[in-house]
Amino acid sequence: MSFTDFLASLGQYLPAVAKPTQKPNLSQKLMWSIIAVVIYLVMASVPLYGVTSSSILGNFLQEEVIFASTAGTLAQLGIGPIITAGLIMQILVGSKLLNIDLNTEESKAKFTEAQKGLAFLFILVESFLFGYVLTRGGSSAGSPLDLGLIVAGQLVLATFIILLLDEMIQKGWGLGSGVSLFILAGVMKIIFWYMFGVVTVSSQDLPVGFFPNLISILVSHGNVLSIVVNTTKVFEPDLVGLITTISLIILIVYLTSINIQIPVTSQKLRGIRRTIPLNFLYVSSIPVIFVSVLGADIQLFSSMASYVSPSVSGILSAIESAFIYPPANIPHSVYAVVLDPLGAVEYSIVFIVLGILFGLVWVEVAGLDPATQAKNLVEAGIEIPGMRSNTKIIEGLLAKYIYPLAFFSSVIVSVIAVGATILGVYGTGVGILLAVTIAMQYYSLLAYERSLEMYPLLKRIVGE
């Protein structure tokens, strides 16, 4: 039995959510999506039993955004195991290290089950590591071993529930995917707190919000300029951050709407011409996700290894120092840049370079490269006017568009993520990128579902 077969078998034995026997309407999908988000937010607010605030590992904003996690709560792991398993499986299949043909329903089902099995393994490993680390540093009562098992059990159960919520939504009960919904909900929570939070939450690096702080300064006749550009605390929201947040949302919406149109014709419909759009942000937010996940995972396992093996911790710390700027020191505001300008430059260079590399690699392993796209066009009977229906010829033409788009879109999203974070954007630059792109996807999805309900004939045309 291969490792893929083992993972697929494990995924099949795990509890699963059944597909709906009858396709839910839009109202029902919205209801189940809202229920899933509410359950996630409740878990993100319920503290872990047996863990004191002094033993909580720092949960930095970058990690909280990417993993939709909240330190010291049932959502301590968030969607981290799901995302990590998904990225690993996609890379292994895209690089042909795993021989799975995703064009058949049987192979797709096997891939999904294997991904679920791998996510569960990550849940087990991370839960018991967290259980050991969180109770070693300090506990409320009982022996560290017993409390470690109790904490690990809570994390396994809670994170598996999050996995089932994602599975429920993806199988048709809700809209889109649970991973996207939870990331969007997490980013919106951070943005809301940065704007309207009335207390400081030190364990999650959540400060007093901009507007309560502004009201307090006006009432006490304080220095209003201090809130225009924060010069007191690294994580304190200011007016520059608020303006940057609004401007960044508008910019991302604009860039996402830009497409490069390639004229094509169909062998079946001669004489009818259309275009295939290539999004200007060809790699979307994938590069910044990869960089953030890599940095967060290295930092996380480095912190955990310090409790288990000093030698392993030293190796991970060396890798972190050499290639990944520590999440704890990411410059989240102009004030942080003033305090450590060299560190901000180092962080920017490393993040952008890694973002470009990951963007180019992702194009090759995710089937977005010119060769794969040309093959798909030929198999679909699509031709480019004035050119023979030859894979190599079409590949050469697509390469003139795809590789420059992949490079420049990787540069753009990386620079946006870095620049926005340095300017103190609410929810970090990576968070805004993810939130806006996810929100736009849901807008299109809602419009599509609404059109199907208004015009039932469309269901037959699209095969619904």
Protein backbone atom coordinates (compact mmCIF):
# COMPACT_ATOMS: atom_id res chain seq x y z
CA MET A 1 0.00 0.00 0.00
CA SER A 2 1.40 3.38 -1.03
CA PHE A 3 1.41 6.40 1.25
CA THR A 4 -1.38 7.96 -0.83
CA ASP A 5 -3.51 4.81 -0.42
CA PHE A 6 -2.86 4.90 3.32
CA LEU A 7 -3.96 8.53 3.55
CA ALA A 8 -7.03 7.84 1.40
CA SER A 9 -7.98 4.85 3.59
CA LEU A 10 -7.54 6.97 6.72
CA GLY A 11 -9.75 9.67 5.20
CA GLN A 12 -12.45 7.14 4.38
CA TYR A 13 -12.56 5.80 7.96
CA LEU A 14 -12.89 9.27 9.49
CA PRO A 15 -16.37 10.70 10.18
CA ALA A 16 -17.65 12.58 7.15
CA VAL A 17 -20.49 14.87 6.12
CA ALA A 18 -22.90 13.37 3.60
CA LYS A 19 -23.80 15.26 0.43
CA PRO A 20 -27.32 16.73 0.38
CA THR A 21 -29.79 14.43 -1.40
CA GLN A 22 -31.44 17.48 -2.93
CA LYS A 23 -29.54 20.62 -3.84
CA PRO A 24 -30.27 23.34 -1.23
CA ASN A 25 -31.55 26.68 -2.46
CA LEU A 26 -29.64 29.91 -1.96
CA SER A 27 -31.36 30.75 1.36
CA GLN A 28 -30.51 27.34 2.79
CA LYS A 29 -26.89 27.62 1.65
CA LEU A 30 -26.61 31.03 3.27
CA MET A 31 -28.12 29.67 6.48
CA TRP A 32 -25.65 26.76 6.70
CA SER A 33 -22.73 29.05 5.84
CA ILE A 34 -23.73 31.47 8.61
CA ILE A 35 -24.13 28.57 11.09
CA ALA A 36 -20.62 27.33 10.22
CA VAL A 37 -19.12 30.82 10.72
CA VAL A 38 -20.94 31.26 14.04
CA ILE A 39 -19.66 27.89 15.32
CA TYR A 40 -16.12 28.86 14.28
CA LEU A 41 -16.35 32.28 15.99
CA VAL A 42 -17.68 30.65 19.17
CA MET A 43 -14.74 28.23 19.23
CA ALA A 44 -12.41 31.17 18.62
CA SER A 45 -13.80 32.75 21.81
CA VAL A 46 -13.86 29.70 24.14
CA PRO A 47 -10.56 29.36 26.08
CA LEU A 48 -8.79 26.02 26.34
CA TYR A 49 -9.31 24.30 29.69
CA GLY A 50 -6.07 23.80 31.61
CA VAL A 51 -4.10 26.59 29.92
CA THR A 52 -3.17 29.82 31.67
CA SER A 53 -2.48 33.09 29.89
CA SER A 54 1.18 32.91 30.87
CA SER A 55 1.67 29.67 28.94
CA ILE A 56 0.02 30.77 25.71
CA LEU A 57 2.31 30.87 22.71
CA GLY A 58 2.29 34.27 21.03
CA ASN A 59 -0.19 34.18 18.14
CA PHE A 60 0.96 36.88 15.79
CA LEU A 61 -1.41 38.62 13.40
CA GLN A 62 0.17 37.08 10.31
CA GLU A 63 -0.42 33.56 11.64
CA GLU A 64 -3.89 34.43 12.88
CA VAL A 65 -4.87 35.69 9.43
CA ILE A 66 -3.49 32.78 7.42
CA PHE A 67 -4.60 30.02 9.80
CA ALA A 68 -7.81 31.72 11.02
CA SER A 69 -6.61 30.86 14.53
CA THR A 70 -6.92 32.47 17.93
CA ALA A 71 -4.34 31.85 20.65
CA GLY A 72 -5.45 30.06 23.81
CA THR A 73 -8.87 29.08 22.43
CA LEU A 74 -10.43 26.00 20.84
CA ALA A 75 -9.43 27.58 17.50
CA GLN A 76 -5.73 27.55 18.48
CA LEU A 77 -4.89 25.56 15.33
CA GLY A 78 -7.65 27.07 13.20
CA ILE A 79 -7.48 25.89 9.59
CA GLY A 80 -3.69 25.48 9.72
CA PRO A 81 -3.68 21.67 9.30
CA ILE A 82 -6.22 21.90 6.45
CA ILE A 83 -4.25 24.54 4.55
CA THR A 84 -0.90 22.82 5.09
CA ALA A 85 -2.26 19.44 3.95
CA GLY A 86 -3.94 21.00 0.93
CA LEU A 87 -0.81 22.84 -0.21
CA ILE A 88 1.39 19.76 0.23
CA MET A 89 -1.00 17.53 -1.74
CA GLN A 90 -1.32 20.11 -4.53
CA ILE A 91 2.46 20.45 -4.82
CA LEU A 92 3.03 16.67 -4.78
CA VAL A 93 0.43 16.08 -7.49
CA GLY A 94 1.46 19.09 -9.57
CA SER A 95 5.13 18.09 -9.48
CA LYS A 96 4.16 14.47 -10.44
CA LEU A 97 5.64 13.08 -7.22
CA LEU A 98 2.18 11.59 -6.69
CA ASN A 99 0.72 9.95 -9.77
CA ILE A 100 -2.94 10.95 -9.48
CA ASP A 101 -5.01 11.86 -12.53
CA LEU A 102 -7.47 14.49 -11.35
CA ASN A 103 -9.47 14.27 -14.58
CA THR A 104 -11.42 11.22 -13.38
CA GLU A 105 -14.05 11.21 -10.63
CA GLU A 106 -12.44 8.20 -8.92
CA SER A 107 -9.05 9.91 -8.74
CA LYS A 108 -10.60 13.14 -7.51
CA ALA A 109 -12.36 11.25 -4.70
CA LYS A 110 -9.10 9.49 -3.78
CA PHE A 111 -7.25 12.82 -3.76
CA THR A 112 -9.90 14.41 -1.51
CA GLU A 113 -9.82 11.48 0.94
CA ALA A 114 -5.99 11.50 1.00
CA GLN A 115 -5.98 15.24 1.67
CA LYS A 116 -8.45 14.74 4.54
CA GLY A 117 -6.30 11.95 5.98
CA LEU A 118 -3.15 14.10 5.81
CA ALA A 119 -4.99 17.01 7.45
CA PHE A 120 -6.03 14.70 10.30
CA LEU A 121 -2.41 13.60 10.80
CA PHE A 122 -1.37 17.25 11.04
CA ILE A 123 -4.20 17.81 13.54
CA LEU A 124 -2.91 14.97 15.74
CA VAL A 125 0.75 16.04 15.60
CA GLU A 126 0.11 19.76 16.18
CA SER A 127 -2.49 19.12 18.90
CA PHE A 128 -0.18 16.95 20.99
CA LEU A 129 2.76 19.31 20.45
CA PHE A 130 0.62 22.24 21.56
CA GLY A 131 -0.74 20.21 24.47
CA TYR A 132 2.81 19.51 25.64
CA VAL A 133 4.11 23.05 25.18
CA LEU A 134 1.09 24.94 26.53
CA THR A 135 0.95 22.92 29.75
CA ARG A 136 4.70 22.76 30.35
CA GLY A 137 4.97 26.53 30.63
CA GLY A 138 2.24 26.77 33.23
CA SER A 139 -1.00 25.08 34.15
CA SER A 140 -3.96 25.73 36.38
CA ALA A 141 -4.11 22.38 38.12
CA GLY A 142 -3.06 18.76 37.77
CA SER A 143 0.09 17.17 36.40
CA PRO A 144 1.57 18.53 33.16
CA LEU A 145 1.15 15.14 31.43
CA ASP A 146 -2.56 14.85 32.28
CA LEU A 147 -3.25 18.45 31.32
CA GLY A 148 -1.24 18.05 28.14
CA LEU A 149 -3.48 15.15 27.09
CA ILE A 150 -6.59 17.13 28.03
CA VAL A 151 -5.47 20.15 26.00
CA ALA A 152 -4.49 17.93 23.06
CA GLY A 153 -7.88 16.20 23.19
CA GLN A 154 -9.67 19.55 23.08
CA LEU A 155 -7.59 20.68 20.10
CA VAL A 156 -8.10 17.43 18.17
CA LEU A 157 -11.87 17.56 18.64
CA ALA A 158 -12.24 21.29 17.94
CA THR A 159 -9.97 21.31 14.87
CA PHE A 160 -11.65 18.22 13.45
CA ILE A 161 -15.00 19.98 13.84
CA ILE A 162 -13.58 22.88 11.81
CA LEU A 163 -12.48 20.35 9.17
CA LEU A 164 -16.02 18.89 9.09
CA LEU A 165 -17.52 22.38 8.78
CA ASP A 166 -15.29 23.02 5.77
CA GLU A 167 -16.29 19.66 4.31
CA MET A 168 -19.98 20.41 4.89
CA ILE A 169 -19.77 23.67 2.96
CA GLN A 170 -17.71 22.22 0.11
CA LYS A 171 -20.12 19.30 -0.36
CA GLY A 172 -22.91 21.68 -1.26
CA TRP A 173 -24.59 22.59 2.02
CA GLY A 174 -23.08 26.07 1.98
CA LEU A 175 -21.38 28.51 -0.39
CA GLY A 176 -17.75 28.25 -1.46
CA SER A 177 -15.47 26.68 1.14
CA GLY A 178 -15.22 26.82 4.89
CA VAL A 179 -11.52 27.71 4.71
CA SER A 180 -12.32 30.89 2.75
CA LEU A 181 -15.22 31.78 5.04
CA PHE A 182 -13.15 31.35 8.21
CA ILE A 183 -10.26 33.41 6.82
CA LEU A 184 -12.69 36.17 5.82
CA ALA A 185 -14.40 36.06 9.23
CA GLY A 186 -11.03 36.18 11.02
CA VAL A 187 -9.79 39.16 9.01
CA MET A 188 -13.08 41.03 9.49
CA LYS A 189 -12.86 40.39 13.24
CA ILE A 190 -9.36 41.89 13.35
CA ILE A 191 -10.37 44.90 11.24
CA PHE A 192 -13.45 45.49 13.41
CA TRP A 193 -11.32 45.34 16.58
CA TYR A 194 -8.72 47.71 15.14
CA MET A 195 -11.50 50.17 14.42
CA PHE A 196 -13.90 49.76 17.37
CA GLY A 197 -12.18 47.63 20.05
CA VAL A 198 -12.58 49.13 23.52
CA VAL A 199 -9.99 47.04 25.40
CA THR A 200 -6.55 45.59 24.69
CA VAL A 201 -6.24 41.81 24.18
CA SER A 202 -2.55 41.19 24.78
CA SER A 203 -2.59 37.46 23.96
CA GLN A 204 -3.80 38.21 20.42
CA ASP A 205 -2.00 41.53 19.85
CA LEU A 206 -5.38 43.29 19.53
CA PRO A 207 -5.20 46.93 20.69
CA VAL A 208 -7.78 49.55 21.58
CA GLY A 209 -9.55 50.53 18.37
CA PHE A 210 -8.90 53.71 16.39
CA PHE A 211 -12.29 55.36 16.96
CA PRO A 212 -12.51 54.71 20.75
CA ASN A 213 -8.93 55.96 21.03
CA LEU A 214 -9.81 59.07 18.98
CA ILE A 215 -12.86 59.79 21.17
CA SER A 216 -10.75 59.37 24.31
CA ILE A 217 -8.14 61.85 23.01
CA LEU A 218 -10.80 64.41 22.01
CA VAL A 219 -12.59 64.14 25.36
CA SER A 220 -9.35 64.48 27.33
CA HIS A 221 -8.09 67.27 25.01
CA GLY A 222 -5.03 65.19 24.17
CA ASN A 223 -2.69 65.46 21.21
CA VAL A 224 -4.72 64.52 18.12
CA LEU A 225 -1.56 64.27 16.02
CA SER A 226 -0.52 61.23 18.06
CA ILE A 227 -3.29 59.20 16.43
CA VAL A 228 -2.55 60.40 12.88
CA VAL A 229 0.79 58.55 12.90
CA ASN A 230 1.25 56.36 15.95
CA THR A 231 4.56 57.05 17.74
CA THR A 232 4.00 55.22 21.02
CA LYS A 233 3.12 51.55 20.44
CA VAL A 234 4.01 49.20 17.59
CA PHE A 235 0.53 47.67 17.27
CA GLU A 236 -1.57 50.78 17.94
CA PRO A 237 -3.91 51.63 14.99
CA ASP A 238 -3.66 55.13 13.53
CA LEU A 239 -5.20 57.28 10.81
CA VAL A 240 -2.50 56.30 8.29
CA GLY A 241 -3.44 52.66 8.78
CA LEU A 242 -7.16 53.39 8.32
CA ILE A 243 -6.58 55.33 5.08
CA THR A 244 -4.21 52.61 3.84
CA THR A 245 -6.84 49.95 4.56
CA ILE A 246 -9.53 51.74 2.55
CA SER A 247 -7.13 52.58 -0.30
CA LEU A 248 -5.81 49.03 -0.45
CA ILE A 249 -9.31 47.55 -0.72
CA ILE A 250 -10.07 49.84 -3.68
CA LEU A 251 -6.70 49.03 -5.33
CA ILE A 252 -7.14 45.25 -5.02
CA VAL A 253 -10.67 45.41 -6.42
CA TYR A 254 -9.36 47.40 -9.39
CA LEU A 255 -6.38 45.09 -10.06
CA THR A 256 -8.55 41.99 -9.78
CA SER A 257 -10.93 43.34 -12.41
CA ILE A 258 -8.14 43.76 -15.02
CA ASN A 259 -7.94 40.92 -17.56
CA ILE A 260 -5.70 40.19 -20.53
CA GLN A 261 -7.95 38.97 -23.36
CA ILE A 262 -6.68 36.30 -25.78
CA PRO A 263 -8.88 35.91 -28.92
CA VAL A 264 -9.91 32.29 -29.70
CA THR A 265 -12.35 30.35 -31.85
CA SER A 266 -14.01 26.96 -31.47
CA GLN A 267 -13.74 24.06 -33.91
CA LYS A 268 -17.43 23.29 -33.31
CA LEU A 269 -18.65 26.87 -33.76
CA ARG A 270 -16.76 28.13 -36.78
CA GLY A 271 -16.92 31.87 -37.38
CA ILE A 272 -17.81 32.68 -33.79
CA ARG A 273 -14.97 34.38 -31.98
CA ARG A 274 -14.58 34.92 -28.26
CA THR A 275 -11.81 35.63 -25.81
CA ILE A 276 -10.17 33.80 -22.94
CA PRO A 277 -9.41 36.17 -20.04
CA LEU A 278 -6.13 35.88 -18.13
CA ASN A 279 -6.39 37.71 -14.83
CA PHE A 280 -3.78 40.43 -14.37
CA LEU A 281 -3.16 39.05 -10.87
CA TYR A 282 -2.51 35.65 -12.44
CA VAL A 283 -1.21 33.96 -9.28
CA SER A 284 -3.82 35.65 -7.07
CA SER A 285 -2.69 35.75 -3.42
CA ILE A 286 -0.98 32.33 -3.50
CA PRO A 287 2.63 33.67 -3.21
CA VAL A 288 1.93 35.65 -0.03
CA ILE A 289 0.05 32.67 1.43
CA PHE A 290 3.06 30.42 0.82
CA VAL A 291 5.51 32.89 2.35
CA SER A 292 3.31 33.50 5.38
CA VAL A 293 2.60 29.80 5.95
CA LEU A 294 6.30 28.95 5.61
CA GLY A 295 7.33 31.64 8.08
CA ALA A 296 4.56 30.78 10.54
CA ASP A 297 5.25 27.02 10.43
CA ILE A 298 9.01 27.44 10.88
CA GLN A 299 8.50 29.86 13.76
CA LEU A 300 5.84 27.61 15.32
CA PHE A 301 7.88 24.41 15.20
CA SER A 302 10.99 26.30 16.31
CA SER A 303 9.15 27.48 19.43
CA MET A 304 7.86 23.99 20.12
CA ALA A 305 11.24 22.34 19.48
CA SER A 306 12.84 24.53 22.14
CA TYR A 307 10.85 22.53 24.71
CA VAL A 308 11.67 19.15 23.18
CA SER A 309 15.10 19.26 21.51
CA PRO A 310 17.49 22.22 21.78
CA SER A 311 19.50 20.96 18.79
CA VAL A 312 16.44 20.79 16.51
CA SER A 313 15.33 24.17 17.79
CA GLY A 314 18.74 25.61 16.95
CA ILE A 315 18.54 24.33 13.37
CA LEU A 316 15.02 25.75 12.88
CA SER A 317 16.03 29.06 14.47
CA ALA A 318 19.00 29.30 12.11
CA ILE A 319 16.73 28.68 9.11
CA GLU A 320 14.26 31.24 10.44
CA SER A 321 16.96 33.85 10.95
CA ALA A 322 18.53 33.23 7.55
CA PHE A 323 15.46 33.09 5.34
CA ILE A 324 12.33 34.13 7.24
CA TYR A 325 11.88 37.36 9.14
CA PRO A 326 10.49 36.39 12.60
CA PRO A 327 6.72 37.05 12.79
CA ALA A 328 7.17 38.66 16.20
CA ASN A 329 9.31 41.39 14.62
CA ILE A 330 7.30 42.07 11.47
CA PRO A 331 7.00 45.89 11.15
CA HIS A 332 3.23 46.37 11.54
CA SER A 333 3.34 50.18 11.51
CA VAL A 334 5.35 53.23 10.52
CA TYR A 335 6.52 53.50 14.13
CA ALA A 336 7.91 49.95 13.98
CA VAL A 337 9.86 50.90 10.83
CA VAL A 338 11.31 53.95 12.58
CA LEU A 339 12.43 51.74 15.46
CA ASP A 340 14.07 49.16 13.20
CA PRO A 341 14.55 50.44 9.60
CA LEU A 342 17.14 47.79 8.69
CA GLY A 343 14.83 45.07 9.93
CA ALA A 344 11.99 46.46 7.83
CA VAL A 345 14.21 46.46 4.71
CA GLU A 346 15.32 42.89 5.44
CA TYR A 347 11.72 41.76 5.93
CA SER A 348 10.62 43.46 2.68
CA ILE A 349 13.42 41.98 0.55
CA VAL A 350 13.03 38.45 1.90
CA PHE A 351 9.24 38.51 1.60
CA ILE A 352 9.23 39.87 -1.97
CA VAL A 353 11.97 37.50 -3.23
CA LEU A 354 10.25 34.47 -1.70
CA GLY A 355 6.91 35.69 -3.05
CA ILE A 356 8.30 35.81 -6.61
CA LEU A 357 9.86 32.36 -6.29
CA PHE A 358 6.70 30.80 -4.88
CA GLY A 359 4.57 32.49 -7.54
CA LEU A 360 6.67 31.09 -10.40
CA VAL A 361 6.81 27.64 -8.81
CA TRP A 362 3.06 27.62 -8.22
CA VAL A 363 2.38 28.31 -11.92
CA GLU A 364 4.36 25.18 -12.82
CA VAL A 365 2.96 22.80 -10.20
CA ALA A 366 -0.67 23.96 -10.26
CA GLY A 367 -1.25 23.42 -13.97
CA LEU A 368 -1.20 27.13 -14.82
CA ASP A 369 1.88 26.86 -17.04
CA PRO A 370 1.67 27.45 -20.83
CA ALA A 371 2.13 23.76 -21.72
CA THR A 372 -0.81 22.59 -19.61
CA GLN A 373 -3.03 25.47 -20.69
CA ALA A 374 -2.22 24.83 -24.38
CA LYS A 375 -3.02 21.15 -23.97
CA ASN A 376 -6.36 21.97 -22.35
CA LEU A 377 -7.26 24.37 -25.16
CA VAL A 378 -6.47 21.85 -27.88
CA GLU A 379 -8.40 19.09 -26.13
CA ALA A 380 -11.39 21.43 -25.77
CA GLY A 381 -11.31 22.20 -29.50
CA ILE A 382 -10.28 25.82 -28.97
CA GLU A 383 -8.10 27.50 -31.61
CA ILE A 384 -6.28 30.80 -31.83
CA PRO A 385 -7.12 32.66 -35.08
CA GLY A 386 -4.33 32.54 -37.65
CA MET A 387 -2.51 29.65 -35.95
CA ARG A 388 -2.60 25.90 -36.47
CA SER A 389 -4.16 23.83 -33.71
CA ASN A 390 -0.79 22.64 -32.50
CA THR A 391 0.06 22.36 -28.81
CA LYS A 392 3.64 23.63 -29.18
CA ILE A 393 2.63 26.67 -31.24
CA ILE A 394 -0.15 27.65 -28.82
CA GLU A 395 2.18 27.02 -25.88
CA GLY A 396 4.71 29.45 -27.32
CA LEU A 397 2.06 32.14 -27.69
CA LEU A 398 0.66 31.61 -24.18
CA ALA A 399 4.16 31.71 -22.70
CA LYS A 400 4.47 35.33 -23.88
CA TYR A 401 1.51 36.20 -21.64
CA ILE A 402 1.63 33.74 -18.75
CA TYR A 403 5.23 34.03 -17.55
CA PRO A 404 5.29 37.85 -17.49
CA LEU A 405 1.89 37.84 -15.75
CA ALA A 406 3.13 35.29 -13.23
CA PHE A 407 6.26 37.32 -12.48
CA PHE A 408 4.68 40.77 -12.27
CA SER A 409 1.59 39.57 -10.37
CA SER A 410 3.88 37.88 -7.82
CA VAL A 411 5.82 41.13 -7.46
CA ILE A 412 2.65 43.20 -7.15
CA VAL A 413 0.92 41.07 -4.49
CA SER A 414 4.17 40.74 -2.52
CA VAL A 415 4.83 44.50 -2.60
CA ILE A 416 1.20 45.21 -1.66
CA ALA A 417 1.39 42.79 1.28
CA VAL A 418 4.69 44.24 2.53
CA GLY A 419 3.85 47.91 1.95
CA ALA A 420 0.40 47.64 3.52
CA THR A 421 1.76 45.87 6.60
CA ILE A 422 4.51 48.49 7.05
CA LEU A 423 1.92 51.29 6.78
CA GLY A 424 -0.09 49.68 9.57
CA VAL A 425 -3.06 48.45 7.54
CA TYR A 426 -5.77 46.95 9.73
CA GLY A 427 -5.58 43.16 9.50
CA THR A 428 -2.10 43.11 7.83
CA GLY A 429 -1.44 43.36 4.10
CA VAL A 430 -1.77 39.59 3.61
CA GLY A 431 -5.10 39.65 5.45
CA ILE A 432 -6.56 42.42 3.29
CA LEU A 433 -5.40 40.66 0.12
CA LEU A 434 -7.08 37.43 1.18
CA ALA A 435 -10.23 39.10 2.50
CA VAL A 436 -10.86 41.21 -0.62
CA THR A 437 -10.20 38.38 -3.08
CA ILE A 438 -12.42 36.02 -1.07
CA ALA A 439 -15.17 38.65 -0.80
CA MET A 440 -15.09 39.20 -4.57
CA GLN A 441 -15.30 35.45 -5.19
CA TYR A 442 -18.35 35.27 -2.94
CA TYR A 443 -19.92 38.23 -4.72
CA SER A 444 -19.59 36.38 -8.04
CA LEU A 445 -20.83 33.16 -6.46
CA LEU A 446 -23.89 34.87 -4.97
CA ALA A 447 -24.66 36.50 -8.31
CA TYR A 448 -24.37 33.11 -10.04
CA GLU A 449 -26.62 31.34 -7.53
CA ARG A 450 -29.14 34.17 -7.67
CA SER A 451 -29.24 34.01 -11.48
CA LEU A 452 -29.95 30.27 -11.39
CA GLU A 453 -32.87 30.82 -9.03
CA MET A 454 -34.31 33.67 -11.08
CA TYR A 455 -33.94 31.87 -14.43
CA PRO A 456 -34.50 28.09 -13.98
CA LEU A 457 -33.72 27.49 -17.66
CA LEU A 458 -30.10 28.37 -16.93
CA LYS A 459 -29.84 25.29 -14.69
CA ARG A 460 -30.37 23.06 -17.72
CA ILE A 461 -27.88 25.00 -19.81
CA VAL A 462 -25.10 24.80 -17.20
CA GLY A 463 -26.01 21.26 -16.16
CA GLU A 464 -27.14 22.05 -12.62
